[in-house]
Each structure stands twice: as structure tokens, then as C-alpha cells.
N, C-alpha and C. Protein backbone atom coordinates (compact mmCIF):
# COMPACT_ATOMS: atom_id res chain seq x y z
N MET A 1 15.88 -30.98 -55.29
CA MET A 1 16.64 -29.76 -55.07
C MET A 1 17.68 -30.05 -54.00
N ASN A 2 18.91 -29.69 -54.27
CA ASN A 2 19.97 -29.93 -53.30
C ASN A 2 20.25 -28.67 -52.49
N HIS A 3 21.18 -28.79 -51.57
CA HIS A 3 21.49 -27.69 -50.66
C HIS A 3 22.05 -26.48 -51.40
N ALA A 4 22.86 -26.68 -52.40
CA ALA A 4 23.45 -25.58 -53.16
C ALA A 4 22.37 -24.78 -53.89
N ASP A 5 21.40 -25.48 -54.47
CA ASP A 5 20.29 -24.78 -55.15
C ASP A 5 19.47 -23.98 -54.15
N ASP A 6 19.26 -24.55 -52.95
CA ASP A 6 18.51 -23.89 -51.89
C ASP A 6 19.23 -22.61 -51.44
N MET A 7 20.55 -22.70 -51.32
CA MET A 7 21.33 -21.53 -50.90
C MET A 7 21.32 -20.46 -51.98
N GLN A 8 21.37 -20.86 -53.24
CA GLN A 8 21.34 -19.91 -54.35
C GLN A 8 20.04 -19.11 -54.32
N LYS A 9 18.97 -19.76 -53.94
CA LYS A 9 17.65 -19.12 -53.88
C LYS A 9 17.63 -17.99 -52.84
N TYR A 10 18.35 -18.13 -51.71
CA TYR A 10 18.31 -17.16 -50.62
C TYR A 10 19.55 -16.28 -50.56
N THR A 11 20.37 -16.26 -51.57
CA THR A 11 21.60 -15.48 -51.54
C THR A 11 21.34 -14.10 -52.14
N LEU A 12 21.89 -13.08 -51.49
CA LEU A 12 21.70 -11.70 -51.92
C LEU A 12 23.00 -10.95 -51.71
N ARG A 13 23.44 -10.19 -52.71
CA ARG A 13 24.63 -9.37 -52.53
C ARG A 13 24.16 -8.05 -51.90
N VAL A 14 24.75 -7.73 -50.73
CA VAL A 14 24.37 -6.51 -50.01
C VAL A 14 25.58 -5.62 -49.87
N PRO A 15 25.37 -4.31 -49.74
CA PRO A 15 26.52 -3.41 -49.56
C PRO A 15 27.25 -3.72 -48.25
N ARG A 16 28.52 -3.29 -48.18
CA ARG A 16 29.40 -3.57 -47.06
C ARG A 16 28.79 -3.13 -45.72
N ASN A 17 28.14 -1.99 -45.62
CA ASN A 17 27.65 -1.49 -44.33
C ASN A 17 26.42 -2.24 -43.81
N THR A 18 25.76 -3.05 -44.61
CA THR A 18 24.60 -3.79 -44.12
C THR A 18 24.88 -5.26 -43.89
N CYS A 19 25.99 -5.76 -44.37
CA CYS A 19 26.32 -7.17 -44.16
C CYS A 19 26.86 -7.34 -42.75
N PRO A 20 26.37 -8.30 -41.97
CA PRO A 20 26.81 -8.47 -40.59
C PRO A 20 28.31 -8.67 -40.45
N SER A 21 28.95 -9.28 -41.43
CA SER A 21 30.39 -9.50 -41.31
C SER A 21 31.19 -8.25 -41.64
N GLY A 22 30.57 -7.28 -42.28
CA GLY A 22 31.26 -6.04 -42.62
C GLY A 22 32.00 -6.11 -43.93
N ALA A 23 32.03 -7.23 -44.58
CA ALA A 23 32.76 -7.38 -45.85
C ALA A 23 31.79 -7.29 -47.02
N ASP A 24 32.34 -6.90 -48.17
CA ASP A 24 31.52 -6.83 -49.38
C ASP A 24 31.48 -8.22 -49.99
N VAL A 25 30.71 -9.08 -49.36
CA VAL A 25 30.61 -10.47 -49.77
C VAL A 25 29.15 -10.84 -49.88
N LEU A 26 28.92 -12.04 -50.29
CA LEU A 26 27.55 -12.52 -50.36
C LEU A 26 27.06 -12.86 -48.96
N CYS A 27 25.92 -12.31 -48.56
CA CYS A 27 25.31 -12.64 -47.27
C CYS A 27 24.12 -13.53 -47.56
N THR A 28 24.02 -14.61 -46.83
CA THR A 28 22.95 -15.56 -47.05
C THR A 28 21.93 -15.43 -45.94
N SER A 29 20.65 -15.35 -46.31
CA SER A 29 19.59 -15.25 -45.33
C SER A 29 18.33 -15.87 -45.92
N ARG A 30 17.56 -16.49 -45.07
CA ARG A 30 16.28 -17.02 -45.53
C ARG A 30 15.33 -15.90 -45.92
N TYR A 31 15.56 -14.73 -45.37
CA TYR A 31 14.63 -13.61 -45.58
C TYR A 31 15.21 -12.55 -46.50
N SER A 32 16.22 -12.90 -47.26
CA SER A 32 16.87 -11.91 -48.13
C SER A 32 15.91 -11.37 -49.20
N ASP A 33 14.90 -12.14 -49.55
CA ASP A 33 13.94 -11.65 -50.53
C ASP A 33 13.04 -10.55 -49.95
N MET A 34 13.02 -10.42 -48.65
CA MET A 34 12.18 -9.39 -48.01
C MET A 34 12.98 -8.19 -47.54
N MET A 35 14.30 -8.25 -47.67
CA MET A 35 15.16 -7.19 -47.12
C MET A 35 14.87 -5.82 -47.73
N GLU A 36 14.52 -5.77 -48.98
CA GLU A 36 14.32 -4.49 -49.66
C GLU A 36 12.88 -4.01 -49.64
N LEU A 37 11.98 -4.78 -49.02
CA LEU A 37 10.57 -4.37 -48.98
C LEU A 37 10.38 -3.23 -47.98
N PRO A 38 9.44 -2.31 -48.24
CA PRO A 38 9.17 -1.22 -47.28
C PRO A 38 8.49 -1.75 -46.02
N HIS A 39 8.68 -1.04 -44.91
CA HIS A 39 8.06 -1.42 -43.64
C HIS A 39 6.55 -1.22 -43.73
N HIS A 40 5.80 -2.20 -43.23
CA HIS A 40 4.34 -2.13 -43.31
C HIS A 40 3.80 -1.15 -42.26
N THR A 41 2.88 -0.30 -42.67
CA THR A 41 2.14 0.55 -41.74
C THR A 41 0.66 0.36 -42.04
N SER A 42 -0.13 0.22 -40.98
CA SER A 42 -1.55 -0.05 -41.14
C SER A 42 -2.29 1.20 -41.55
N SER A 43 -3.24 1.02 -42.43
CA SER A 43 -4.08 2.15 -42.84
C SER A 43 -5.31 2.26 -41.95
N LYS A 44 -5.58 1.22 -41.14
CA LYS A 44 -6.76 1.20 -40.29
C LYS A 44 -6.48 1.60 -38.84
N ARG A 45 -5.28 1.34 -38.38
CA ARG A 45 -4.96 1.62 -36.97
C ARG A 45 -3.86 2.66 -36.88
N PRO A 46 -3.97 3.58 -35.89
CA PRO A 46 -2.90 4.58 -35.72
C PRO A 46 -1.64 3.92 -35.16
N ARG A 47 -0.52 4.54 -35.41
CA ARG A 47 0.76 4.02 -34.92
C ARG A 47 0.81 4.17 -33.40
N MET A 48 1.27 3.13 -32.71
CA MET A 48 1.33 3.13 -31.25
C MET A 48 2.47 4.03 -30.77
N ALA A 49 2.20 4.79 -29.73
CA ALA A 49 3.22 5.67 -29.15
C ALA A 49 4.35 4.84 -28.54
N VAL A 50 5.55 5.41 -28.52
CA VAL A 50 6.72 4.70 -28.00
C VAL A 50 6.51 4.31 -26.54
N ALA A 51 5.93 5.20 -25.74
CA ALA A 51 5.70 4.89 -24.32
C ALA A 51 4.75 3.71 -24.15
N ASP A 52 3.73 3.64 -25.02
CA ASP A 52 2.79 2.52 -24.94
C ASP A 52 3.44 1.21 -25.36
N ARG A 53 4.31 1.28 -26.36
CA ARG A 53 5.02 0.08 -26.79
C ARG A 53 5.94 -0.42 -25.68
N ALA A 54 6.59 0.52 -24.99
CA ALA A 54 7.49 0.14 -23.90
C ALA A 54 6.71 -0.49 -22.75
N ALA A 55 5.48 -0.02 -22.52
CA ALA A 55 4.67 -0.55 -21.41
C ALA A 55 4.30 -2.01 -21.63
N GLN A 56 4.29 -2.45 -22.87
CA GLN A 56 3.97 -3.85 -23.15
C GLN A 56 5.01 -4.79 -22.54
N PHE A 57 6.22 -4.29 -22.42
CA PHE A 57 7.31 -5.13 -21.95
C PHE A 57 7.72 -4.84 -20.51
N SER A 58 6.94 -4.03 -19.81
CA SER A 58 7.27 -3.73 -18.42
C SER A 58 6.99 -4.96 -17.55
N PRO A 59 7.66 -5.06 -16.40
CA PRO A 59 7.46 -6.24 -15.56
C PRO A 59 6.05 -6.28 -14.97
N PHE A 60 5.59 -7.46 -14.69
CA PHE A 60 4.28 -7.62 -14.10
C PHE A 60 4.42 -8.45 -12.83
N ALA A 61 3.42 -8.36 -11.97
CA ALA A 61 3.44 -9.12 -10.72
C ALA A 61 2.84 -10.49 -10.98
N ALA A 62 3.71 -11.49 -11.06
CA ALA A 62 3.24 -12.85 -11.31
C ALA A 62 2.41 -13.37 -10.15
N LEU A 63 2.76 -12.95 -8.94
CA LEU A 63 2.00 -13.36 -7.75
C LEU A 63 1.22 -12.14 -7.28
N GLY A 64 0.02 -11.97 -7.77
CA GLY A 64 -0.80 -10.82 -7.42
C GLY A 64 -1.06 -10.76 -5.92
N GLY A 65 -0.79 -9.61 -5.31
CA GLY A 65 -1.03 -9.42 -3.89
C GLY A 65 0.12 -9.86 -2.99
N TYR A 66 1.18 -10.43 -3.58
CA TYR A 66 2.30 -10.93 -2.77
C TYR A 66 2.99 -9.79 -2.03
N ASP A 67 3.24 -8.65 -2.72
CA ASP A 67 3.90 -7.52 -2.08
C ASP A 67 3.06 -6.98 -0.92
N ALA A 68 1.75 -6.89 -1.11
CA ALA A 68 0.87 -6.41 -0.05
C ALA A 68 0.89 -7.37 1.14
N ALA A 69 0.95 -8.67 0.88
CA ALA A 69 0.99 -9.65 1.96
C ALA A 69 2.28 -9.53 2.75
N ILE A 70 3.38 -9.29 2.08
CA ILE A 70 4.67 -9.12 2.76
C ILE A 70 4.65 -7.87 3.62
N GLN A 71 4.11 -6.77 3.09
CA GLN A 71 4.02 -5.53 3.87
C GLN A 71 3.12 -5.72 5.09
N GLU A 72 2.01 -6.42 4.92
CA GLU A 72 1.08 -6.64 6.03
C GLU A 72 1.74 -7.47 7.12
N THR A 73 2.51 -8.47 6.74
CA THR A 73 3.20 -9.32 7.71
C THR A 73 4.23 -8.51 8.49
N GLY A 74 4.89 -7.59 7.81
CA GLY A 74 5.93 -6.79 8.45
C GLY A 74 5.39 -5.63 9.28
N ARG A 75 4.11 -5.33 9.15
CA ARG A 75 3.52 -4.20 9.89
C ARG A 75 3.45 -4.54 11.38
N TYR A 76 3.94 -3.64 12.21
CA TYR A 76 4.00 -3.87 13.65
C TYR A 76 2.64 -3.68 14.29
N THR A 77 2.28 -4.61 15.16
CA THR A 77 1.12 -4.45 16.03
C THR A 77 1.55 -4.83 17.43
N GLY A 78 1.13 -4.02 18.40
CA GLY A 78 1.49 -4.27 19.79
C GLY A 78 0.41 -5.04 20.53
N GLU A 79 0.75 -5.43 21.72
CA GLU A 79 -0.20 -6.17 22.56
C GLU A 79 -0.92 -5.21 23.51
N ARG A 80 -2.13 -5.57 23.89
CA ARG A 80 -2.92 -4.79 24.84
C ARG A 80 -2.32 -4.95 26.24
N ILE A 81 -2.25 -3.85 26.96
CA ILE A 81 -1.76 -3.86 28.34
C ILE A 81 -2.95 -4.10 29.26
N GLU A 82 -2.85 -5.12 30.08
CA GLU A 82 -3.91 -5.41 31.05
C GLU A 82 -3.67 -4.58 32.31
N LEU A 83 -4.69 -3.81 32.71
CA LEU A 83 -4.58 -2.97 33.91
C LEU A 83 -4.81 -3.80 35.17
N ASP A 84 -4.03 -3.50 36.20
CA ASP A 84 -4.26 -4.16 37.49
C ASP A 84 -5.44 -3.47 38.19
N GLU A 85 -5.87 -4.02 39.32
CA GLU A 85 -7.06 -3.49 40.02
C GLU A 85 -6.86 -2.05 40.47
N ASN A 86 -5.69 -1.69 40.94
CA ASN A 86 -5.42 -0.32 41.38
C ASN A 86 -5.54 0.66 40.21
N SER A 87 -4.98 0.31 39.03
CA SER A 87 -5.06 1.18 37.85
C SER A 87 -6.51 1.31 37.37
N LYS A 88 -7.28 0.23 37.47
CA LYS A 88 -8.69 0.29 37.09
C LYS A 88 -9.47 1.22 38.01
N ALA A 89 -9.16 1.19 39.33
CA ALA A 89 -9.84 2.07 40.29
C ALA A 89 -9.51 3.53 40.01
N ILE A 90 -8.25 3.82 39.68
CA ILE A 90 -7.85 5.19 39.36
C ILE A 90 -8.57 5.66 38.09
N LEU A 91 -8.64 4.81 37.09
CA LEU A 91 -9.31 5.16 35.84
C LEU A 91 -10.81 5.40 36.07
N ASP A 92 -11.45 4.59 36.92
CA ASP A 92 -12.87 4.79 37.26
C ASP A 92 -13.08 6.13 37.93
N GLU A 93 -12.17 6.50 38.81
CA GLU A 93 -12.28 7.79 39.50
C GLU A 93 -12.11 8.94 38.51
N LYS A 94 -11.18 8.81 37.58
CA LYS A 94 -10.99 9.85 36.56
C LYS A 94 -12.24 9.99 35.69
N LEU A 95 -12.86 8.88 35.33
CA LEU A 95 -14.09 8.93 34.55
C LEU A 95 -15.22 9.59 35.33
N ARG A 96 -15.28 9.33 36.64
CA ARG A 96 -16.30 9.95 37.48
C ARG A 96 -16.10 11.46 37.53
N LEU A 97 -14.85 11.91 37.75
CA LEU A 97 -14.55 13.35 37.77
C LEU A 97 -14.87 14.00 36.42
N LEU A 98 -14.57 13.29 35.37
CA LEU A 98 -14.83 13.79 34.03
C LEU A 98 -16.34 13.95 33.78
N MET A 99 -17.11 12.99 34.27
CA MET A 99 -18.57 13.03 34.10
C MET A 99 -19.15 14.24 34.83
N GLU A 100 -18.61 14.56 36.01
CA GLU A 100 -19.10 15.72 36.77
C GLU A 100 -18.81 17.03 36.05
N ARG A 101 -17.67 17.10 35.37
CA ARG A 101 -17.24 18.36 34.75
C ARG A 101 -17.49 18.41 33.24
N MET A 102 -18.26 17.45 32.71
CA MET A 102 -18.52 17.42 31.27
C MET A 102 -19.17 18.69 30.73
N PRO A 103 -20.12 19.34 31.43
CA PRO A 103 -20.72 20.56 30.88
C PRO A 103 -19.70 21.68 30.62
N GLU A 104 -18.57 21.65 31.32
CA GLU A 104 -17.52 22.67 31.13
C GLU A 104 -16.68 22.39 29.88
N ARG A 105 -16.80 21.20 29.33
CA ARG A 105 -16.01 20.76 28.17
C ARG A 105 -14.51 20.91 28.39
N PRO A 106 -13.97 20.32 29.43
CA PRO A 106 -12.52 20.43 29.65
C PRO A 106 -11.75 19.61 28.60
N GLU A 107 -10.61 20.13 28.20
CA GLU A 107 -9.78 19.40 27.23
C GLU A 107 -9.01 18.30 27.95
N ILE A 108 -9.10 17.10 27.41
CA ILE A 108 -8.41 15.95 28.01
C ILE A 108 -7.69 15.18 26.90
N THR A 109 -6.81 14.30 27.32
CA THR A 109 -6.13 13.37 26.41
C THR A 109 -6.45 11.96 26.88
N ILE A 110 -6.99 11.16 25.99
CA ILE A 110 -7.30 9.76 26.31
C ILE A 110 -6.35 8.89 25.49
N THR A 111 -5.65 8.00 26.19
CA THR A 111 -4.81 7.01 25.54
C THR A 111 -5.58 5.70 25.59
N TYR A 112 -5.80 5.11 24.40
CA TYR A 112 -6.60 3.88 24.35
C TYR A 112 -6.03 2.91 23.33
N PHE A 113 -6.40 1.65 23.47
CA PHE A 113 -5.95 0.60 22.58
C PHE A 113 -6.91 0.48 21.41
N GLN A 114 -6.36 0.50 20.21
CA GLN A 114 -7.16 0.35 19.00
C GLN A 114 -6.80 -0.99 18.36
N PRO A 115 -7.70 -1.98 18.45
CA PRO A 115 -7.40 -3.30 17.87
C PRO A 115 -7.20 -3.21 16.36
N ASP A 116 -6.32 -4.07 15.85
CA ASP A 116 -6.06 -4.12 14.42
C ASP A 116 -7.15 -4.93 13.73
N ASP A 117 -7.60 -4.47 12.57
CA ASP A 117 -8.67 -5.15 11.84
C ASP A 117 -8.19 -6.41 11.13
N LYS A 118 -6.90 -6.46 10.78
CA LYS A 118 -6.41 -7.53 9.93
C LYS A 118 -5.64 -8.63 10.65
N LYS A 119 -5.05 -8.32 11.79
CA LYS A 119 -4.31 -9.36 12.49
C LYS A 119 -4.34 -9.10 13.99
N GLU A 120 -3.83 -10.04 14.75
CA GLU A 120 -3.87 -9.96 16.20
C GLU A 120 -3.04 -8.78 16.70
N GLY A 121 -3.52 -8.16 17.76
CA GLY A 121 -2.82 -7.02 18.34
C GLY A 121 -3.47 -5.72 17.94
N GLY A 122 -2.70 -4.66 18.02
CA GLY A 122 -3.20 -3.33 17.69
C GLY A 122 -2.17 -2.30 18.07
N MET A 123 -2.64 -1.09 18.35
CA MET A 123 -1.73 -0.02 18.75
C MET A 123 -2.43 0.93 19.69
N TYR A 124 -1.63 1.64 20.49
CA TYR A 124 -2.17 2.64 21.39
C TYR A 124 -2.23 3.98 20.68
N VAL A 125 -3.38 4.64 20.82
CA VAL A 125 -3.65 5.91 20.16
C VAL A 125 -4.02 6.93 21.21
N GLU A 126 -3.60 8.18 20.99
CA GLU A 126 -4.01 9.28 21.87
C GLU A 126 -4.96 10.19 21.10
N VAL A 127 -6.03 10.57 21.76
CA VAL A 127 -6.96 11.53 21.18
C VAL A 127 -7.10 12.68 22.17
N ILE A 128 -7.05 13.90 21.62
CA ILE A 128 -7.15 15.11 22.46
C ILE A 128 -8.43 15.83 22.08
N GLY A 129 -9.17 16.26 23.10
CA GLY A 129 -10.41 16.99 22.86
C GLY A 129 -11.29 16.97 24.10
N TYR A 130 -12.56 17.23 23.90
CA TYR A 130 -13.50 17.20 25.01
C TYR A 130 -14.44 16.01 24.83
N VAL A 131 -15.02 15.57 25.94
CA VAL A 131 -15.95 14.45 25.91
C VAL A 131 -17.35 14.99 25.65
N LYS A 132 -17.98 14.46 24.60
CA LYS A 132 -19.34 14.86 24.24
C LYS A 132 -20.35 14.03 25.00
N LYS A 133 -20.05 12.73 25.17
CA LYS A 133 -20.99 11.83 25.84
C LYS A 133 -20.19 10.74 26.53
N LEU A 134 -20.62 10.40 27.75
CA LEU A 134 -20.01 9.31 28.49
C LEU A 134 -21.13 8.38 28.90
N ASP A 135 -21.11 7.16 28.36
CA ASP A 135 -22.18 6.19 28.62
C ASP A 135 -21.61 5.02 29.42
N PRO A 136 -21.78 5.04 30.76
CA PRO A 136 -21.22 3.96 31.57
C PRO A 136 -21.91 2.61 31.36
N TYR A 137 -23.18 2.64 30.93
CA TYR A 137 -23.91 1.39 30.71
C TYR A 137 -23.53 0.75 29.37
N GLY A 138 -23.38 1.60 28.37
CA GLY A 138 -22.93 1.12 27.06
C GLY A 138 -21.42 0.99 26.99
N LYS A 139 -20.75 1.44 28.06
CA LYS A 139 -19.28 1.38 28.18
C LYS A 139 -18.60 2.05 26.99
N MET A 140 -19.04 3.31 26.74
CA MET A 140 -18.52 4.03 25.58
C MET A 140 -18.30 5.50 25.93
N VAL A 141 -17.19 6.06 25.43
CA VAL A 141 -16.90 7.49 25.53
C VAL A 141 -16.95 8.03 24.11
N VAL A 142 -17.71 9.11 23.91
CA VAL A 142 -17.79 9.75 22.60
C VAL A 142 -17.15 11.11 22.73
N MET A 143 -16.11 11.35 21.91
CA MET A 143 -15.40 12.62 21.96
C MET A 143 -16.13 13.65 21.12
N GLY A 144 -15.75 14.91 21.26
CA GLY A 144 -16.37 16.01 20.53
C GLY A 144 -16.25 15.86 19.02
N ASP A 145 -15.18 15.22 18.54
CA ASP A 145 -15.01 15.03 17.09
C ASP A 145 -15.70 13.77 16.57
N GLY A 146 -16.44 13.06 17.45
CA GLY A 146 -17.18 11.87 17.05
C GLY A 146 -16.44 10.56 17.29
N THR A 147 -15.20 10.61 17.73
CA THR A 147 -14.44 9.39 18.01
C THR A 147 -15.10 8.63 19.14
N GLN A 148 -15.37 7.34 18.91
CA GLN A 148 -15.98 6.49 19.93
C GLN A 148 -14.90 5.58 20.50
N ILE A 149 -14.83 5.56 21.83
CA ILE A 149 -13.81 4.77 22.52
C ILE A 149 -14.49 3.88 23.54
N GLY A 150 -14.19 2.59 23.46
CA GLY A 150 -14.71 1.66 24.47
C GLY A 150 -13.99 1.88 25.79
N ILE A 151 -14.73 1.93 26.88
CA ILE A 151 -14.13 2.18 28.20
C ILE A 151 -13.10 1.11 28.54
N GLU A 152 -13.31 -0.14 28.11
CA GLU A 152 -12.36 -1.22 28.39
C GLU A 152 -11.04 -1.02 27.66
N GLU A 153 -11.05 -0.19 26.60
CA GLU A 153 -9.84 0.03 25.80
C GLU A 153 -8.97 1.16 26.36
N ILE A 154 -9.51 1.96 27.28
CA ILE A 154 -8.79 3.13 27.79
C ILE A 154 -7.66 2.70 28.72
N LEU A 155 -6.47 3.26 28.46
CA LEU A 155 -5.31 3.01 29.31
C LEU A 155 -5.13 4.13 30.32
N ASP A 156 -5.33 5.39 29.85
CA ASP A 156 -5.12 6.53 30.75
C ASP A 156 -5.90 7.74 30.25
N ILE A 157 -6.22 8.63 31.19
CA ILE A 157 -6.86 9.91 30.90
C ILE A 157 -6.03 10.97 31.59
N THR A 158 -5.62 11.98 30.82
CA THR A 158 -4.85 13.09 31.40
C THR A 158 -5.50 14.40 31.02
N GLY A 159 -5.23 15.43 31.81
CA GLY A 159 -5.76 16.76 31.57
C GLY A 159 -5.96 17.48 32.89
N GLU A 160 -6.28 18.77 32.82
CA GLU A 160 -6.47 19.60 34.02
C GLU A 160 -7.57 19.07 34.92
N VAL A 161 -8.63 18.53 34.34
CA VAL A 161 -9.77 18.08 35.12
C VAL A 161 -9.42 16.91 36.04
N VAL A 162 -8.45 16.10 35.68
CA VAL A 162 -8.10 14.95 36.48
C VAL A 162 -6.72 15.09 37.15
N ARG A 163 -6.02 16.17 36.87
CA ARG A 163 -4.69 16.39 37.44
C ARG A 163 -4.82 16.75 38.92
N GLY A 164 -3.92 16.27 39.70
CA GLY A 164 -3.90 16.60 41.12
C GLY A 164 -4.77 15.69 41.97
N SER A 165 -5.67 14.94 41.35
CA SER A 165 -6.51 14.03 42.12
C SER A 165 -5.79 12.75 42.43
N PHE A 166 -4.70 12.46 41.70
CA PHE A 166 -4.04 11.16 41.87
C PHE A 166 -2.56 11.32 41.94
């Protein structure tokens, strides 16, 4: 079989509007014998919705977790401030005054360092409320809402109970 016979086998005369060149000429295609066949629809499976078909071609994350790692790296964490001896003495005095007045449940604000779980550093957080328990041996302050604060993490205590003493 030569090339001309092969071409004759796949040649189909198609109307002007379906021929890619736009002319009423012979269009040659390997699949011209299938051009007039009806589109196949499955009798066993339902037709897929357009939105689901589009989702097949949506982009995917080739590097799983890469975006989260970039965000984590960019997240700011500060350094802990080391208190000098004078600041530590003032803080001890404030804790002592607070312990004396705990039954009155005075409202105070504690600024403390909260270490970051994922990387070095952390951030300073303020909590407002009353102290439920102060444990100098366990070095822990428990606020009325259940927040537990390590005494070593406290930067400052403010409120009426400690105002004017320093």
C-alpha cells in the first residue's frame, strides 16, 4: 500500500463550516471515519458535573507543606527581656502585695513572656483579671480564668493594688 492509497482511506469531504481551512475542499484526517459517530455516554455512570470536571485540572501543591513552612519562617517572634536586680525586687514586692490582697480579688494586668512552641523566641502577652492562686514554691500564678503564668515569665504587674507603692 502506498501513501496515496493510505490518504484515500482517511479522506472525507466535509461541509465548509467544519473544515479547519474554511474551504469546501477535501479534509484529510486519521480520524475522519469517526467524525460522524455520536458522542459516547455511559449507561453505568452518571455524567460528571462541570465543576467537578474543572476541579480535575486545578493546580496542586507539588511541595506539600511548603506554603506553611514559608509562613512559619516569616512569623515574628521576639526575645525575652531579662530583668535586672532592681526590677526583680520591685516585681517581688508587687507579688507580695498581691498575695496580701488576694481575698479582695483586685483586678490586675500581668504582662508576661509566652514562649513559642515551634521556634526560638516568643511574644509578650497581657492578661487582665484577678489572681485565683499564687504559688511561690511552684513559681506559678493562676488567674481567675484558669490562665497559668510562670513567675519567671512575668515582666510587670499593674493595677490599683500595686499602684502608688513604686
